Each structure stands twice: as structure tokens, then as C-alpha cells.
PDB file of N, CA and C in Angstrom:
ATOM      1  N   UNK A   1       0.840  -1.184   0.000  1.00  0.00           N
ATOM      2  CA  UNK A   1       0.000   0.000   0.000  1.00  0.00           C
ATOM      3  C   UNK A   1       0.879   1.239   0.000  1.00  0.00           C
ATOM      4  N   UNK A   2       0.514   2.222  -0.800  1.00  0.00           N
ATOM      5  CA  UNK A   2       1.253   3.482  -0.860  1.00  0.00           C
ATOM      6  C   UNK A   2       1.037   4.303   0.399  1.00  0.00           C
ATOM      7  N   UNK A   3       2.020   5.138   0.705  1.00  0.00           N
ATOM      8  CA  UNK A   3       1.836   6.121   1.765  1.00  0.00           C
ATOM      9  C   UNK A   3       1.374   7.397   1.077  1.00  0.00           C
ATOM     10  N   UNK A   4       0.180   7.843   1.423  1.00  0.00           N
ATOM     11  CA  UNK A   4      -0.424   8.991   0.756  1.00  0.00           C
ATOM     12  C   UNK A   4      -0.103  10.309   1.448  1.00  0.00           C
ATOM     13  N   UNK A   5       0.086  10.287   2.741  1.00  0.00           N
ATOM     14  CA  UNK A   5       0.228  11.521   3.520  1.00  0.00           C
ATOM     15  C   UNK A   5       1.603  11.587   4.196  1.00  0.00           C
ATOM     16  N   UNK A   6       2.652  11.569   3.419  1.00  0.00           N
ATOM     17  CA  UNK A   6       4.006  11.564   3.998  1.00  0.00           C
ATOM     18  C   UNK A   6       4.266  12.790   4.867  1.00  0.00           C
ATOM     19  N   UNK A   7       3.906  13.952   4.388  1.00  0.00           N
ATOM     20  CA  UNK A   7       4.178  15.182   5.137  1.00  0.00           C
ATOM     21  C   UNK A   7       3.246  15.355   6.327  1.00  0.00           C
ATOM     22  N   UNK A   8       2.085  14.779   6.249  1.00  0.00           N
ATOM     23  CA  UNK A   8       1.084  14.942   7.296  1.00  0.00           C
ATOM     24  C   UNK A   8       1.373  14.098   8.522  1.00  0.00           C
ATOM     25  N   UNK A   9       2.058  13.004   8.348  1.00  0.00           N
ATOM     26  CA  UNK A   9       2.279  12.073   9.451  1.00  0.00           C
ATOM     27  C   UNK A   9       2.941  12.754  10.657  1.00  0.00           C
ATOM     28  N   UNK A  10       3.913  13.611  10.434  1.00  0.00           N
ATOM     29  CA  UNK A  10       4.591  14.275  11.544  1.00  0.00           C
ATOM     30  C   UNK A  10       3.694  15.305  12.230  1.00  0.00           C
ATOM     31  N   UNK A  11       2.804  15.959  11.471  1.00  0.00           N
ATOM     32  CA  UNK A  11       1.947  17.011  12.024  1.00  0.00           C
ATOM     33  C   UNK A  11       0.613  16.502  12.554  1.00  0.00           C
ATOM     34  N   UNK A  12       0.271  15.254  12.276  1.00  0.00           N
ATOM     35  CA  UNK A  12      -1.051  14.733  12.594  1.00  0.00           C
ATOM     36  C   UNK A  12      -1.383  14.877  14.076  1.00  0.00           C
ATOM     37  N   UNK A  13      -0.412  14.686  14.942  1.00  0.00           N
ATOM     38  CA  UNK A  13      -0.673  14.764  16.383  1.00  0.00           C
ATOM     39  C   UNK A  13      -0.972  16.192  16.851  1.00  0.00           C
ATOM     40  N   UNK A  14      -0.699  17.187  16.002  1.00  0.00           N
ATOM     41  CA  UNK A  14      -1.031  18.573  16.354  1.00  0.00           C
ATOM     42  C   UNK A  14      -2.527  18.839  16.234  1.00  0.00           C
ATOM     43  N   UNK A  15      -3.236  18.017  15.490  1.00  0.00           N
ATOM     44  CA  UNK A  15      -4.672  18.181  15.310  1.00  0.00           C
ATOM     45  C   UNK A  15      -5.420  17.583  16.498  1.00  0.00           C
ATOM     46  N   UNK A  16      -6.554  18.183  16.827  1.00  0.00           N
ATOM     47  CA  UNK A  16      -7.400  17.619  17.882  1.00  0.00           C
ATOM     48  C   UNK A  16      -8.039  16.332  17.368  1.00  0.00           C
ATOM     49  N   UNK A  17      -8.579  15.541  18.279  1.00  0.00           N
ATOM     50  CA  UNK A  17      -9.249  14.308  17.872  1.00  0.00           C
ATOM     51  C   UNK A  17     -10.425  14.634  16.956  1.00  0.00           C
ATOM     52  N   UNK A  18     -11.093  15.746  17.199  1.00  0.00           N
ATOM     53  CA  UNK A  18     -12.217  16.137  16.340  1.00  0.00           C
ATOM     54  C   UNK A  18     -11.741  16.445  14.923  1.00  0.00           C
ATOM     55  N   UNK A  19     -10.630  17.151  14.806  1.00  0.00           N
ATOM     56  CA  UNK A  19     -10.083  17.459  13.483  1.00  0.00           C
ATOM     57  C   UNK A  19      -9.602  16.185  12.786  1.00  0.00           C
ATOM     58  N   UNK A  20      -8.976  15.304  13.532  1.00  0.00           N
ATOM     59  CA  UNK A  20      -8.510  14.043  12.958  1.00  0.00           C
ATOM     60  C   UNK A  20      -9.682  13.230  12.424  1.00  0.00           C
ATOM     61  N   UNK A  21     -10.713  13.071  13.237  1.00  0.00           N
ATOM     62  CA  UNK A  21     -11.866  12.268  12.821  1.00  0.00           C
ATOM     63  C   UNK A  21     -12.636  12.939  11.687  1.00  0.00           C
ATOM     64  N   UNK A  22     -12.695  14.256  11.672  1.00  0.00           N
ATOM     65  CA  UNK A  22     -13.367  14.965  10.574  1.00  0.00           C
ATOM     66  C   UNK A  22     -12.625  14.721   9.255  1.00  0.00           C
ATOM     67  N   UNK A  23     -11.310  14.733   9.296  1.00  0.00           N
ATOM     68  CA  UNK A  23     -10.521  14.460   8.089  1.00  0.00           C
ATOM     69  C   UNK A  23     -10.706  13.007   7.629  1.00  0.00           C
ATOM     70  N   UNK A  24     -10.758  12.102   8.571  1.00  0.00           N
ATOM     71  CA  UNK A  24     -11.014  10.703   8.229  1.00  0.00           C
ATOM     72  C   UNK A  24     -12.398  10.582   7.594  1.00  0.00           C
ATOM     73  N   UNK A  25     -13.368  11.261   8.187  1.00  0.00           N
ATOM     74  CA  UNK A  25     -14.725  11.235   7.658  1.00  0.00           C
ATOM     75  C   UNK A  25     -14.811  11.760   6.238  1.00  0.00           C
ATOM     76  N   UNK A  26     -14.008  12.779   5.922  1.00  0.00           N
ATOM     77  CA  UNK A  26     -13.984  13.308   4.558  1.00  0.00           C
ATOM     78  C   UNK A  26     -13.499  12.249   3.572  1.00  0.00           C
ATOM     79  N   UNK A  27     -12.471  11.515   3.955  1.00  0.00           N
ATOM     80  CA  UNK A  27     -11.971  10.446   3.077  1.00  0.00           C
ATOM     81  C   UNK A  27     -12.980   9.311   2.955  1.00  0.00           C
ATOM     82  N   UNK A  28     -13.653   8.990   4.049  1.00  0.00           N
ATOM     83  CA  UNK A  28     -14.681   7.945   3.998  1.00  0.00           C
ATOM     84  C   UNK A  28     -15.808   8.392   3.066  1.00  0.00           C
ATOM     85  N   UNK A  29     -16.196   9.651   3.175  1.00  0.00           N
ATOM     86  CA  UNK A  29     -17.224  10.178   2.283  1.00  0.00           C
ATOM     87  C   UNK A  29     -16.814  10.092   0.828  1.00  0.00           C
ATOM     88  N   UNK A  30     -15.566  10.409   0.546  1.00  0.00           N
ATOM     89  CA  UNK A  30     -15.063  10.299  -0.829  1.00  0.00           C
ATOM     90  C   UNK A  30     -15.097   8.846  -1.307  1.00  0.00           C
ATOM     91  N   UNK A  31     -14.677   7.931  -0.440  1.00  0.00           N
ATOM     92  CA  UNK A  31     -14.671   6.509  -0.810  1.00  0.00           C
ATOM     93  C   UNK A  31     -16.090   6.032  -1.132  1.00  0.00           C
ATOM     94  N   UNK A  32     -17.049   6.442  -0.327  1.00  0.00           N
ATOM     95  CA  UNK A  32     -18.437   6.046  -0.547  1.00  0.00           C
ATOM     96  C   UNK A  32     -18.964   6.660  -1.848  1.00  0.00           C
ATOM     97  N   UNK A  33     -18.670   7.937  -2.072  1.00  0.00           N
ATOM     98  CA  UNK A  33     -19.143   8.588  -3.304  1.00  0.00           C
ATOM     99  C   UNK A  33     -18.547   7.954  -4.546  1.00  0.00           C
ATOM    100  N   UNK A  34     -17.262   7.636  -4.510  1.00  0.00           N
ATOM    101  CA  UNK A  34     -16.634   6.993  -5.667  1.00  0.00           C
ATOM    102  C   UNK A  34     -17.171   5.584  -5.857  1.00  0.00           C
ATOM    103  N   UNK A  35     -17.487   4.904  -4.764  1.00  0.00           N
ATOM    104  CA  UNK A  35     -18.052   3.563  -4.855  1.00  0.00           C
ATOM    105  C   UNK A  35     -19.417   3.615  -5.556  1.00  0.00           C
ATOM    106  N   UNK A  36     -20.213   4.627  -5.231  1.00  0.00           N
ATOM    107  CA  UNK A  36     -21.524   4.795  -5.866  1.00  0.00           C
ATOM    108  C   UNK A  36     -21.389   5.036  -7.367  1.00  0.00           C
ATOM    109  N   UNK A  37     -20.328   5.729  -7.753  1.00  0.00           N
ATOM    110  CA  UNK A  37     -20.106   6.046  -9.162  1.00  0.00           C
ATOM    111  C   UNK A  37     -19.384   4.909  -9.889  1.00  0.00           C
ATOM    112  N   UNK A  38     -19.100   3.848  -9.177  1.00  0.00           N
ATOM    113  CA  UNK A  38     -18.403   2.686  -9.739  1.00  0.00           C
ATOM    114  C   UNK A  38     -17.029   3.038 -10.309  1.00  0.00           C
ATOM    115  N   UNK A  39     -16.376   4.003  -9.685  1.00  0.00           N
ATOM    116  CA  UNK A  39     -15.008   4.367 -10.054  1.00  0.00           C
ATOM    117  C   UNK A  39     -14.094   3.700  -9.028  1.00  0.00           C
ATOM    118  N   UNK A  40     -13.746   2.464  -9.306  1.00  0.00           N
ATOM    119  CA  UNK A  40     -13.080   1.631  -8.307  1.00  0.00           C
ATOM    120  C   UNK A  40     -11.728   2.161  -7.855  1.00  0.00           C
ATOM    121  N   UNK A  41     -10.903   2.625  -8.778  1.00  0.00           N
ATOM    122  CA  UNK A  41      -9.564   3.064  -8.388  1.00  0.00           C
ATOM    123  C   UNK A  41      -9.625   4.277  -7.460  1.00  0.00           C
ATOM    124  N   UNK A  42     -10.450   5.255  -7.787  1.00  0.00           N
ATOM    125  CA  UNK A  42     -10.571   6.448  -6.940  1.00  0.00           C
ATOM    126  C   UNK A  42     -11.152   6.081  -5.581  1.00  0.00           C
ATOM    127  N   UNK A  43     -12.145   5.204  -5.580  1.00  0.00           N
ATOM    128  CA  UNK A  43     -12.747   4.767  -4.328  1.00  0.00           C
ATOM    129  C   UNK A  43     -11.776   4.000  -3.457  1.00  0.00           C
ATOM    130  N   UNK A  44     -10.992   3.151  -4.080  1.00  0.00           N
ATOM    131  CA  UNK A  44     -10.002   2.367  -3.339  1.00  0.00           C
ATOM    132  C   UNK A  44      -8.937   3.286  -2.739  1.00  0.00           C
ATOM    133  N   UNK A  45      -8.488   4.272  -3.496  1.00  0.00           N
ATOM    134  CA  UNK A  45      -7.476   5.199  -2.975  1.00  0.00           C
ATOM    135  C   UNK A  45      -8.017   6.021  -1.805  1.00  0.00           C
ATOM    136  N   UNK A  46      -9.264   6.477  -1.900  1.00  0.00           N
ATOM    137  CA  UNK A  46      -9.868   7.219  -0.788  1.00  0.00           C
ATOM    138  C   UNK A  46      -9.988   6.319   0.441  1.00  0.00           C
ATOM    139  N   UNK A  47     -10.353   5.066   0.232  1.00  0.00           N
ATOM    140  CA  UNK A  47     -10.436   4.094   1.321  1.00  0.00           C
ATOM    141  C   UNK A  47      -9.067   3.910   1.971  1.00  0.00           C
ATOM    142  N   UNK A  48      -8.025   3.752   1.168  1.00  0.00           N
ATOM    143  CA  UNK A  48      -6.678   3.592   1.711  1.00  0.00           C
ATOM    144  C   UNK A  48      -6.218   4.845   2.452  1.00  0.00           C
ATOM    145  N   UNK A  49      -6.566   6.016   1.936  1.00  0.00           N
ATOM    146  CA  UNK A  49      -6.206   7.264   2.638  1.00  0.00           C
ATOM    147  C   UNK A  49      -6.910   7.331   3.994  1.00  0.00           C
ATOM    148  N   UNK A  50      -8.176   6.916   4.043  1.00  0.00           N
ATOM    149  CA  UNK A  50      -8.908   6.903   5.310  1.00  0.00           C
ATOM    150  C   UNK A  50      -8.240   5.950   6.301  1.00  0.00           C
ATOM    151  N   UNK A  51      -7.849   4.778   5.827  1.00  0.00           N
ATOM    152  CA  UNK A  51      -7.164   3.821   6.711  1.00  0.00           C
ATOM    153  C   UNK A  51      -5.842   4.382   7.215  1.00  0.00           C
ATOM    154  N   UNK A  52      -5.121   5.048   6.335  1.00  0.00           N
ATOM    155  CA  UNK A  52      -3.846   5.638   6.737  1.00  0.00           C
ATOM    156  C   UNK A  52      -4.062   6.683   7.827  1.00  0.00           C
ATOM    157  N   UNK A  53      -5.059   7.540   7.658  1.00  0.00           N
ATOM    158  CA  UNK A  53      -5.347   8.554   8.674  1.00  0.00           C
ATOM    159  C   UNK A  53      -5.826   7.904   9.976  1.00  0.00           C
ATOM    160  N   UNK A  54      -6.604   6.838   9.867  1.00  0.00           N
ATOM    161  CA  UNK A  54      -6.996   6.111  11.078  1.00  0.00           C
ATOM    162  C   UNK A  54      -5.775   5.543  11.793  1.00  0.00           C
ATOM    163  N   UNK A  55      -4.832   5.021  11.037  1.00  0.00           N
ATOM    164  CA  UNK A  55      -3.603   4.488  11.651  1.00  0.00           C
ATOM    165  C   UNK A  55      -2.801   5.594  12.332  1.00  0.00           C
ATOM    166  N   UNK A  56      -2.725   6.776  11.705  1.00  0.00           N
ATOM    167  CA  UNK A  56      -2.049   7.906  12.350  1.00  0.00           C
ATOM    168  C   UNK A  56      -2.754   8.256  13.658  1.00  0.00           C
ATOM    169  N   UNK A  57      -4.076   8.222  13.651  1.00  0.00           N
ATOM    170  CA  UNK A  57      -4.872   8.559  14.831  1.00  0.00           C
ATOM    171  C   UNK A  57      -4.674   7.516  15.924  1.00  0.00           C
ATOM    172  N   UNK A  58      -4.607   6.265  15.541  1.00  0.00           N
ATOM    173  CA  UNK A  58      -4.357   5.192  16.505  1.00  0.00           C
ATOM    174  C   UNK A  58      -2.974   5.350  17.133  1.00  0.00           C
ATOM    175  N   UNK A  59      -1.997   5.768  16.352  1.00  0.00           N
ATOM    176  CA  UNK A  59      -0.627   5.934  16.856  1.00  0.00           C
ATOM    177  C   UNK A  59      -0.447   7.195  17.709  1.00  0.00           C
ATOM    178  N   UNK A  60      -1.385   8.118  17.645  1.00  0.00           N
ATOM    179  CA  UNK A  60      -1.286   9.376  18.391  1.00  0.00           C
ATOM    180  C   UNK A  60      -1.569   9.106  19.869  1.00  0.00           C
ATOM    181  N   UNK A  61      -0.574   9.337  20.723  1.00  0.00           N
ATOM    182  CA  UNK A  61      -0.681   8.980  22.144  1.00  0.00           C
ATOM    183  C   UNK A  61      -1.772   9.759  22.884  1.00  0.00           C
ATOM    184  N   UNK A  62      -2.136  10.937  22.410  1.00  0.00           N
ATOM    185  CA  UNK A  62      -3.170  11.695  23.122  1.00  0.00           C
ATOM    186  C   UNK A  62      -4.551  11.062  22.973  1.00  0.00           C
ATOM    187  N   UNK A  63      -4.693  10.141  22.034  1.00  0.00           N
ATOM    188  CA  UNK A  63      -5.977   9.489  21.792  1.00  0.00           C
ATOM    189  C   UNK A  63      -6.112   8.166  22.536  1.00  0.00           C
ATOM    190  N   UNK A  64      -5.266   7.968  23.510  1.00  0.00           N
ATOM    191  CA  UNK A  64      -5.235   6.706  24.244  1.00  0.00           C
ATOM    192  C   UNK A  64      -6.588   6.369  24.881  1.00  0.00           C
ATOM    193  N   UNK A  65      -7.286   7.376  25.377  1.00  0.00           N
ATOM    194  CA  UNK A  65      -8.555   7.118  26.074  1.00  0.00           C
ATOM    195  C   UNK A  65      -9.673   6.672  25.136  1.00  0.00           C
ATOM    196  N   UNK A  66      -9.553   6.966  23.847  1.00  0.00           N
ATOM    197  CA  UNK A  66     -10.605   6.564  22.898  1.00  0.00           C
ATOM    198  C   UNK A  66     -10.073   5.577  21.864  1.00  0.00           C
ATOM    199  N   UNK A  67      -8.982   4.917  22.194  1.00  0.00           N
ATOM    200  CA  UNK A  67      -8.348   3.979  21.269  1.00  0.00           C
ATOM    201  C   UNK A  67      -9.278   2.828  20.881  1.00  0.00           C
ATOM    202  N   UNK A  68     -10.057   2.345  21.829  1.00  0.00           N
ATOM    203  CA  UNK A  68     -10.964   1.232  21.555  1.00  0.00           C
ATOM    204  C   UNK A  68     -11.977   1.623  20.471  1.00  0.00           C
ATOM    205  N   UNK A  69     -12.548   2.815  20.580  1.00  0.00           N
ATOM    206  CA  UNK A  69     -13.525   3.261  19.582  1.00  0.00           C
ATOM    207  C   UNK A  69     -12.875   3.456  18.218  1.00  0.00           C
ATOM    208  N   UNK A  70     -11.694   4.050  18.196  1.00  0.00           N
ATOM    209  CA  UNK A  70     -11.010   4.296  16.918  1.00  0.00           C
ATOM    210  C   UNK A  70     -10.693   2.972  16.219  1.00  0.00           C
ATOM    211  N   UNK A  71     -10.222   2.002  16.985  1.00  0.00           N
ATOM    212  CA  UNK A  71      -9.928   0.684  16.404  1.00  0.00           C
ATOM    213  C   UNK A  71     -11.196   0.006  15.910  1.00  0.00           C
ATOM    214  N   UNK A  72     -12.268   0.180  16.630  1.00  0.00           N
ATOM    215  CA  UNK A  72     -13.550  -0.398  16.201  1.00  0.00           C
ATOM    216  C   UNK A  72     -14.038   0.270  14.912  1.00  0.00           C
ATOM    217  N   UNK A  73     -13.885   1.575  14.812  1.00  0.00           N
ATOM    218  CA  UNK A  73     -14.252   2.283  13.577  1.00  0.00           C
ATOM    219  C   UNK A  73     -13.469   1.708  12.407  1.00  0.00           C
ATOM    220  N   UNK A  74     -12.189   1.482  12.617  1.00  0.00           N
ATOM    221  CA  UNK A  74     -11.351   0.925  11.544  1.00  0.00           C
ATOM    222  C   UNK A  74     -11.851  -0.456  11.132  1.00  0.00           C
ATOM    223  N   UNK A  75     -12.157  -1.282  12.121  1.00  0.00           N
ATOM    224  CA  UNK A  75     -12.629  -2.634  11.842  1.00  0.00           C
ATOM    225  C   UNK A  75     -13.937  -2.625  11.039  1.00  0.00           C
ATOM    226  N   UNK A  76     -14.894  -1.812  11.473  1.00  0.00           N
ATOM    227  CA  UNK A  76     -16.202  -1.784  10.812  1.00  0.00           C
ATOM    228  C   UNK A  76     -16.102  -1.128   9.438  1.00  0.00           C
ATOM    229  N   UNK A  77     -15.237  -0.132   9.309  1.00  0.00           N
ATOM    230  CA  UNK A  77     -15.040   0.520   8.009  1.00  0.00           C
ATOM    231  C   UNK A  77     -14.456  -0.453   6.987  1.00  0.00           C
ATOM    232  N   UNK A  78     -13.457  -1.217   7.400  1.00  0.00           N
ATOM    233  CA  UNK A  78     -12.876  -2.220   6.505  1.00  0.00           C
ATOM    234  C   UNK A  78     -13.937  -3.240   6.103  1.00  0.00           C
ATOM    235  N   UNK A  79     -14.752  -3.662   7.063  1.00  0.00           N
ATOM    236  CA  UNK A  79     -15.822  -4.603   6.758  1.00  0.00           C
ATOM    237  C   UNK A  79     -16.799  -4.010   5.744  1.00  0.00           C
ATOM    238  N   UNK A  80     -17.115  -2.733   5.887  1.00  0.00           N
ATOM    239  CA  UNK A  80     -18.102  -2.106   5.007  1.00  0.00           C
ATOM    240  C   UNK A  80     -17.568  -1.894   3.591  1.00  0.00           C
ATOM    241  N   UNK A  81     -16.360  -1.361   3.484  1.00  0.00           N
ATOM    242  CA  UNK A  81     -15.843  -0.987   2.169  1.00  0.00           C
ATOM    243  C   UNK A  81     -15.046  -2.084   1.471  1.00  0.00           C
ATOM    244  N   UNK A  82     -14.571  -3.077   2.226  1.00  0.00           N
ATOM    245  CA  UNK A  82     -13.765  -4.122   1.592  1.00  0.00           C
ATOM    246  C   UNK A  82     -14.191  -5.536   1.967  1.00  0.00           C
ATOM    247  N   UNK A  83     -15.106  -5.649   2.901  1.00  0.00           N
ATOM    248  CA  UNK A  83     -15.506  -6.970   3.366  1.00  0.00           C
ATOM    249  C   UNK A  83     -16.925  -7.329   2.973  1.00  0.00           C
ATOM    250  N   UNK A  84     -17.539  -8.141   3.798  1.00  0.00           N
ATOM    251  CA  UNK A  84     -18.888  -8.650   3.533  1.00  0.00           C
ATOM    252  C   UNK A  84     -19.985  -7.831   4.200  1.00  0.00           C
ATOM    253  N   UNK A  85     -19.628  -6.749   4.876  1.00  0.00           N
ATOM    254  CA  UNK A  85     -20.564  -5.891   5.604  1.00  0.00           C
ATOM    255  C   UNK A  85     -21.380  -6.700   6.614  1.00  0.00           C
ATOM    256  N   UNK A  86     -20.682  -7.500   7.395  1.00  0.00           N
ATOM    257  CA  UNK A  86     -21.365  -8.321   8.389  1.00  0.00           C
ATOM    258  C   UNK A  86     -21.925  -7.489   9.542  1.00  0.00           C
ATOM    259  N   UNK A  87     -21.481  -6.237   9.679  1.00  0.00           N
ATOM    260  CA  UNK A  87     -22.011  -5.344  10.716  1.00  0.00           C
ATOM    261  C   UNK A  87     -23.193  -4.525  10.205  1.00  0.00           C
ATOM    262  N   UNK A  88     -23.547  -4.717   8.948  1.00  0.00           N
ATOM    263  CA  UNK A  88     -24.705  -4.060   8.332  1.00  0.00           C
ATOM    264  C   UNK A  88     -24.617  -2.532   8.378  1.00  0.00           C
ATOM    265  N   UNK A  89     -23.455  -2.003   8.041  1.00  0.00           N
ATOM    266  CA  UNK A  89     -23.267  -0.560   7.943  1.00  0.00           C
ATOM    267  C   UNK A  89     -23.975  -0.040   6.700  1.00  0.00           C
ATOM    268  N   UNK A  90     -24.113   1.274   6.645  1.00  0.00           N
ATOM    269  CA  UNK A  90     -24.706   1.911   5.471  1.00  0.00           C
ATOM    270  C   UNK A  90     -24.031   3.256   5.242  1.00  0.00           C
ATOM    271  N   UNK A  91     -24.228   3.806   4.065  1.00  0.00           N
ATOM    272  CA  UNK A  91     -23.674   5.130   3.771  1.00  0.00           C
ATOM    273  C   UNK A  91     -24.199   6.152   4.781  1.00  0.00           C
ATOM    274  N   UNK A  92     -25.478   6.092   5.068  1.00  0.00           N
ATOM    275  CA  UNK A  92     -26.095   7.032   6.004  1.00  0.00           C
ATOM    276  C   UNK A  92     -25.518   6.890   7.411  1.00  0.00           C
ATOM    277  N   UNK A  93     -25.272   5.664   7.836  1.00  0.00           N
ATOM    278  CA  UNK A  93     -24.689   5.442   9.154  1.00  0.00           C
ATOM    279  C   UNK A  93     -23.329   6.122   9.266  1.00  0.00           C
ATOM    280  N   UNK A  94     -22.498   5.976   8.235  1.00  0.00           N
ATOM    281  CA  UNK A  94     -21.164   6.590   8.267  1.00  0.00           C
ATOM    282  C   UNK A  94     -21.271   8.111   8.241  1.00  0.00           C
ATOM    283  N   UNK A  95     -22.191   8.631   7.482  1.00  0.00           N
ATOM    284  CA  UNK A  95     -22.390  10.086   7.450  1.00  0.00           C
ATOM    285  C   UNK A  95     -22.805  10.597   8.826  1.00  0.00           C
ATOM    286  N   UNK A  96     -23.727   9.888   9.462  1.00  0.00           N
ATOM    287  CA  UNK A  96     -24.191  10.286  10.795  1.00  0.00           C
ATOM    288  C   UNK A  96     -23.084  10.141  11.843  1.00  0.00           C
ATOM    289  N   UNK A  97     -22.217   9.162  11.672  1.00  0.00           N
ATOM    290  CA  UNK A  97     -21.130   8.976  12.631  1.00  0.00           C
ATOM    291  C   UNK A  97     -20.120  10.118  12.552  1.00  0.00           C
ATOM    292  N   UNK A  98     -19.710  10.482  11.345  1.00  0.00           N
ATOM    293  CA  UNK A  98     -18.639  11.468  11.199  1.00  0.00           C
ATOM    294  C   UNK A  98     -19.106  12.918  11.259  1.00  0.00           C
ATOM    295  N   UNK A  99     -20.377  13.185  11.026  1.00  0.00           N
ATOM    296  CA  UNK A  99     -20.857  14.567  11.011  1.00  0.00           C
ATOM    297  C   UNK A  99     -20.561  15.329  12.306  1.00  0.00           C
ATOM    298  N   UNK A 100     -20.824  14.761  13.486  1.00  0.00           N
ATOM    299  CA  UNK A 100     -20.531  15.524  14.716  1.00  0.00           C
ATOM    300  C   UNK A 100     -19.051  15.900  14.865  1.00  0.00           C
ATOM    301  N   UNK A 101     -18.145  15.076  14.367  1.00  0.00           N
ATOM    302  CA  UNK A 101     -16.724  15.422  14.433  1.00  0.00           C
ATOM    303  C   UNK A 101     -16.434  16.635  13.553  1.00  0.00           C
ATOM    304  N   UNK A 102     -17.040  16.647  12.381  1.00  0.00           N
ATOM    305  CA  UNK A 102     -16.879  17.780  11.477  1.00  0.00           C
ATOM    306  C   UNK A 102     -17.426  19.053  12.126  1.00  0.00           C
ATOM    307  N   UNK A 103     -18.581  18.960  12.726  1.00  0.00           N
ATOM    308  CA  UNK A 103     -19.205  20.101  13.407  1.00  0.00           C
ATOM    309  C   UNK A 103     -18.317  20.598  14.549  1.00  0.00           C
ATOM    310  N   UNK A 104     -17.811  19.667  15.364  1.00  0.00           N
ATOM    311  CA  UNK A 104     -16.961  20.032  16.505  1.00  0.00           C
ATOM    312  C   UNK A 104     -15.639  20.637  16.040  1.00  0.00           C
ATOM    313  N   UNK A 105     -15.070  20.101  14.976  1.00  0.00           N
ATOM    314  CA  UNK A 105     -13.786  20.623  14.469  1.00  0.00           C
ATOM    315  C   UNK A 105     -13.959  22.046  13.952  1.00  0.00           C
ATOM    316  N   UNK A 106     -15.057  22.328  13.300  1.00  0.00           N
ATOM    317  CA  UNK A 106     -15.298  23.664  12.758  1.00  0.00           C
ATOM    318  C   UNK A 106     -15.588  24.679  13.846  1.00  0.00           C
ATOM    319  N   UNK A 107     -16.170  24.221  14.947  1.00  0.00           N
ATOM    320  CA  UNK A 107     -16.530  25.138  16.036  1.00  0.00           C
ATOM    321  C   UNK A 107     -15.463  25.216  17.127  1.00  0.00           C
ATOM    322  N   UNK A 108     -14.338  24.564  16.874  1.00  0.00           N
ATOM    323  CA  UNK A 108     -13.198  24.665  17.782  1.00  0.00           C
ATOM    324  C   UNK A 108     -13.433  24.033  19.112  1.00  0.00           C
TER     325      UNK A 108
END
């Protein structure tokens, strides 16, 4: 897998958890939109970028208290976009999950 955010990796810990999750949500939204348009390569790249940002978030020591949730998000996201969707996720569910992070990040 390619590393998409080489320059961002060092600065990622400067972002709040809300900003981190909002950025992840943006990539998830892109992956879902490209999947709907049946543009597999673009959708796959957005999915990989989301996973990369999730991994940066998991590695960020300030997120230790919410590590369980972040890891669970990664697990369910992989199941939804690359697996059998055994957790029965939906596009709307992901939008509803990430929207509050976007709202919180914008409102500081």
C-alpha cells in the first residue's frame, strides 16, 4: 500500500481528535461517493487514505482514552468498504457517525 500523507504524518498529532476524525470522515465520504459512481480506483485510494489517517490517529498517544472506539471504527469501516458488511453498515450510518466530528472541528 502506498503512503499517501508523507508530510502529514509528523503534524497529525497537532490536530485535535475532532479534526482528525473529521478528516477521516472526509476520506470515507469520498470513498463512498466513488463507490456509488463505480469508479473503483478512486474509491479504493480514498479508502486507503482513510485507513492511513486512522492508523495515524491510533498511533497518536493523546488518543489513548478513545483507542478502543477508533480501532472499532477501523474494523467496521474495513468490513463495510472491503468486506462482507457483516455489521450491516450503510452510507447514512457513516455520514451520521462522522458529522458531529466535522461540526466540533469547525466550532473549535
